[in-house]
């Protein structure tokens, strides 16, 4: 059986505004109410991010999206249009630069609850394959 991640809960101080903002950055649909108390962001036909309202301190999470070159260009443009600072490294100050390591392009941003969001065009997280 092939397994896929279907959905994941994203903790947020304000689930509605967090879900709406991510959906705008990614250019995907979202809803104010889904199954249960969540605001879902419909990343694609196989993945939903369910934003959940949390009180108190939030754990800092990392979420990465692999996408086409055209989609990447659109995400970077939307970050600029929305005034969301981005950077070329997972942590540190915004530098409005694109990371070109690992054979593709990568950007990171930290909105709105301190989570680290990443968009990339080539994954560096795949299991190494033996050389033939």
C-alpha atoms as a PDB file:
ATOM      1  CA  UNK A   1       0.000   0.000   0.000  1.00  0.00           C
ATOM      2  CA  UNK A   2       1.209   3.478  -0.791  1.00  0.00           C
ATOM      3  CA  UNK A   3       0.805   5.864   2.141  1.00  0.00           C
ATOM      4  CA  UNK A   4       0.222   9.599   1.978  1.00  0.00           C
ATOM      5  CA  UNK A   5      -0.139  12.256   4.645  1.00  0.00           C
ATOM      6  CA  UNK A   6      -3.849  13.163   4.494  1.00  0.00           C
ATOM      7  CA  UNK A   7      -4.197  15.995   7.012  1.00  0.00           C
ATOM      8  CA  UNK A   8      -2.343  17.564   9.901  1.00  0.00           C
ATOM      9  CA  UNK A   9      -3.326  19.934  12.696  1.00  0.00           C
ATOM     10  CA  UNK A  10      -1.608  23.318  12.775  1.00  0.00           C
ATOM     11  CA  UNK A  11      -1.853  25.118  16.139  1.00  0.00           C
ATOM     12  CA  UNK A  12      -2.732  28.815  15.877  1.00  0.00           C
ATOM     13  CA  UNK A  13      -3.654  31.747  18.110  1.00  0.00           C
ATOM     14  CA  UNK A  14      -6.339  32.716  15.569  1.00  0.00           C
ATOM     15  CA  UNK A  15      -7.227  29.726  13.406  1.00  0.00           C
ATOM     16  CA  UNK A  16      -9.339  31.722  10.976  1.00  0.00           C
ATOM     17  CA  UNK A  17      -6.809  34.430  10.155  1.00  0.00           C
ATOM     18  CA  UNK A  18      -3.920  31.940  10.078  1.00  0.00           C
ATOM     19  CA  UNK A  19      -5.757  29.617   7.694  1.00  0.00           C
ATOM     20  CA  UNK A  20      -6.853  32.469   5.467  1.00  0.00           C
ATOM     21  CA  UNK A  21      -3.338  33.918   5.270  1.00  0.00           C
ATOM     22  CA  UNK A  22      -1.690  30.612   4.364  1.00  0.00           C
ATOM     23  CA  UNK A  23      -4.365  29.930   1.748  1.00  0.00           C
ATOM     24  CA  UNK A  24      -3.686  33.352   0.219  1.00  0.00           C
ATOM     25  CA  UNK A  25       0.080  32.738   0.152  1.00  0.00           C
ATOM     26  CA  UNK A  26      -0.322  29.307  -1.451  1.00  0.00           C
ATOM     27  CA  UNK A  27      -3.181  30.347  -3.737  1.00  0.00           C
ATOM     28  CA  UNK A  28      -5.471  27.550  -2.514  1.00  0.00           C
ATOM     29  CA  UNK A  29      -8.951  27.292  -0.987  1.00  0.00           C
ATOM     30  CA  UNK A  30      -9.800  27.299   2.702  1.00  0.00           C
ATOM     31  CA  UNK A  31     -12.948  27.259   4.842  1.00  0.00           C
ATOM     32  CA  UNK A  32     -13.955  28.918   8.097  1.00  0.00           C
ATOM     33  CA  UNK A  33     -15.351  25.592   9.323  1.00  0.00           C
ATOM     34  CA  UNK A  34     -14.453  22.020   8.455  1.00  0.00           C
ATOM     35  CA  UNK A  35     -14.909  18.762  10.301  1.00  0.00           C
ATOM     36  CA  UNK A  36     -14.726  19.569  13.998  1.00  0.00           C
ATOM     37  CA  UNK A  37     -13.493  22.930  15.257  1.00  0.00           C
ATOM     38  CA  UNK A  38     -10.887  23.411  12.517  1.00  0.00           C
ATOM     39  CA  UNK A  39     -10.367  25.929   9.706  1.00  0.00           C
ATOM     40  CA  UNK A  40      -9.098  23.745   6.865  1.00  0.00           C
ATOM     41  CA  UNK A  41      -6.688  24.815   4.146  1.00  0.00           C
ATOM     42  CA  UNK A  42      -7.069  22.566   1.125  1.00  0.00           C
ATOM     43  CA  UNK A  43      -3.478  22.342  -0.126  1.00  0.00           C
ATOM     44  CA  UNK A  44      -4.362  19.806  -2.841  1.00  0.00           C
ATOM     45  CA  UNK A  45      -6.633  16.807  -3.426  1.00  0.00           C
ATOM     46  CA  UNK A  46      -4.594  14.755  -0.962  1.00  0.00           C
ATOM     47  CA  UNK A  47      -3.604  17.144   1.822  1.00  0.00           C
ATOM     48  CA  UNK A  48      -5.543  19.379   4.194  1.00  0.00           C
ATOM     49  CA  UNK A  49      -4.028  21.530   6.944  1.00  0.00           C
ATOM     50  CA  UNK A  50      -6.522  21.874   9.809  1.00  0.00           C
ATOM     51  CA  UNK A  51      -5.842  25.059  11.775  1.00  0.00           C
ATOM     52  CA  UNK A  52      -6.804  24.626  15.420  1.00  0.00           C
ATOM     53  CA  UNK A  53      -7.305  27.375  18.006  1.00  0.00           C
ATOM     54  CA  UNK A  54      -4.799  27.058  20.866  1.00  0.00           C
ATOM     55  CA  UNK A  55      -4.467  29.110  24.026  1.00  0.00           C
ATOM     56  CA  UNK A  56      -1.086  29.626  25.606  1.00  0.00           C
ATOM     57  CA  UNK A  57       2.313  29.014  24.088  1.00  0.00           C
ATOM     58  CA  UNK A  58       2.422  27.409  20.660  1.00  0.00           C
ATOM     59  CA  UNK A  59       5.030  24.871  19.649  1.00  0.00           C
ATOM     60  CA  UNK A  60       7.101  26.137  16.726  1.00  0.00           C
ATOM     61  CA  UNK A  61       6.524  23.783  13.804  1.00  0.00           C
ATOM     62  CA  UNK A  62       8.074  23.492  10.341  1.00  0.00           C
ATOM     63  CA  UNK A  63       5.899  22.911   7.266  1.00  0.00           C
ATOM     64  CA  UNK A  64       7.370  22.488   3.789  1.00  0.00           C
ATOM     65  CA  UNK A  65       5.614  22.496   0.419  1.00  0.00           C
ATOM     66  CA  UNK A  66       7.236  21.119  -2.736  1.00  0.00           C
ATOM     67  CA  UNK A  67       5.878  22.740  -5.875  1.00  0.00           C
ATOM     68  CA  UNK A  68       6.563  23.486  -9.518  1.00  0.00           C
ATOM     69  CA  UNK A  69       8.765  26.378 -10.627  1.00  0.00           C
ATOM     70  CA  UNK A  70       5.681  28.347 -11.745  1.00  0.00           C
ATOM     71  CA  UNK A  71       3.896  27.781  -8.425  1.00  0.00           C
ATOM     72  CA  UNK A  72       7.068  28.806  -6.573  1.00  0.00           C
ATOM     73  CA  UNK A  73       7.215  32.071  -8.530  1.00  0.00           C
ATOM     74  CA  UNK A  74       3.578  32.729  -7.622  1.00  0.00           C
ATOM     75  CA  UNK A  75       4.191  32.051  -3.900  1.00  0.00           C
ATOM     76  CA  UNK A  76       7.179  34.423  -3.817  1.00  0.00           C
ATOM     77  CA  UNK A  77       5.116  37.076  -5.620  1.00  0.00           C
ATOM     78  CA  UNK A  78       2.240  36.646  -3.146  1.00  0.00           C
ATOM     79  CA  UNK A  79       4.599  36.927  -0.171  1.00  0.00           C
ATOM     80  CA  UNK A  80       5.738  40.270  -1.603  1.00  0.00           C
ATOM     81  CA  UNK A  81       2.191  41.432  -2.355  1.00  0.00           C
ATOM     82  CA  UNK A  82       1.058  40.535   1.170  1.00  0.00           C
ATOM     83  CA  UNK A  83       4.087  42.224   2.761  1.00  0.00           C
ATOM     84  CA  UNK A  84       5.260  38.986   4.377  1.00  0.00           C
ATOM     85  CA  UNK A  85       9.029  38.999   4.880  1.00  0.00           C
ATOM     86  CA  UNK A  86      10.836  35.928   3.591  1.00  0.00           C
ATOM     87  CA  UNK A  87      14.351  34.592   3.774  1.00  0.00           C
ATOM     88  CA  UNK A  88      16.765  32.112   2.238  1.00  0.00           C
ATOM     89  CA  UNK A  89      17.461  30.215   5.487  1.00  0.00           C
ATOM     90  CA  UNK A  90      15.162  28.383   7.907  1.00  0.00           C
ATOM     91  CA  UNK A  91      15.963  30.787  10.756  1.00  0.00           C
ATOM     92  CA  UNK A  92      17.275  34.302  10.990  1.00  0.00           C
ATOM     93  CA  UNK A  93      16.300  37.702   9.710  1.00  0.00           C
ATOM     94  CA  UNK A  94      14.406  38.179   6.454  1.00  0.00           C
ATOM     95  CA  UNK A  95      16.754  38.782   3.523  1.00  0.00           C
ATOM     96  CA  UNK A  96      14.214  38.648   0.645  1.00  0.00           C
ATOM     97  CA  UNK A  97      16.482  36.149  -1.081  1.00  0.00           C
ATOM     98  CA  UNK A  98      15.873  32.729  -2.625  1.00  0.00           C
ATOM     99  CA  UNK A  99      18.089  29.817  -1.596  1.00  0.00           C
ATOM    100  CA  UNK A 100      19.513  28.034  -4.648  1.00  0.00           C
ATOM    101  CA  UNK A 101      21.082  25.074  -2.837  1.00  0.00           C
ATOM    102  CA  UNK A 102      20.039  21.447  -3.267  1.00  0.00           C
ATOM    103  CA  UNK A 103      19.362  21.761  -7.000  1.00  0.00           C
ATOM    104  CA  UNK A 104      16.260  23.917  -6.753  1.00  0.00           C
ATOM    105  CA  UNK A 105      14.870  27.066  -5.164  1.00  0.00           C
ATOM    106  CA  UNK A 106      13.768  27.519  -1.540  1.00  0.00           C
ATOM    107  CA  UNK A 107      12.195  30.314   0.530  1.00  0.00           C
ATOM    108  CA  UNK A 108      11.128  30.422   4.176  1.00  0.00           C
ATOM    109  CA  UNK A 109       8.739  32.682   6.088  1.00  0.00           C
ATOM    110  CA  UNK A 110       7.372  32.790   9.663  1.00  0.00           C
ATOM    111  CA  UNK A 111       3.796  33.980   9.706  1.00  0.00           C
ATOM    112  CA  UNK A 112       1.634  34.309  11.753  1.00  0.00           C
ATOM    113  CA  UNK A 113       2.356  32.177  14.825  1.00  0.00           C
ATOM    114  CA  UNK A 114       6.115  31.653  14.582  1.00  0.00           C
ATOM    115  CA  UNK A 115       5.866  28.458  12.534  1.00  0.00           C
ATOM    116  CA  UNK A 116       8.530  28.134   9.849  1.00  0.00           C
ATOM    117  CA  UNK A 117       6.932  27.742   6.414  1.00  0.00           C
ATOM    118  CA  UNK A 118       9.016  26.574   3.471  1.00  0.00           C
ATOM    119  CA  UNK A 119       8.414  26.428  -0.280  1.00  0.00           C
ATOM    120  CA  UNK A 120      10.823  24.526  -2.512  1.00  0.00           C
ATOM    121  CA  UNK A 121      11.047  23.235  -6.053  1.00  0.00           C
ATOM    122  CA  UNK A 122      13.344  20.224  -5.482  1.00  0.00           C
ATOM    123  CA  UNK A 123      13.179  18.100  -2.336  1.00  0.00           C
ATOM    124  CA  UNK A 124      16.335  17.511  -0.350  1.00  0.00           C
ATOM    125  CA  UNK A 125      14.475  15.241   2.110  1.00  0.00           C
ATOM    126  CA  UNK A 126      14.217  12.050   0.068  1.00  0.00           C
ATOM    127  CA  UNK A 127      15.830   8.796   1.132  1.00  0.00           C
ATOM    128  CA  UNK A 128      19.118   8.310  -0.735  1.00  0.00           C
ATOM    129  CA  UNK A 129      18.975   5.706  -3.470  1.00  0.00           C
ATOM    130  CA  UNK A 130      21.862   3.334  -4.039  1.00  0.00           C
ATOM    131  CA  UNK A 131      23.953   4.179  -7.074  1.00  0.00           C
ATOM    132  CA  UNK A 132      23.779   1.697  -9.915  1.00  0.00           C
END
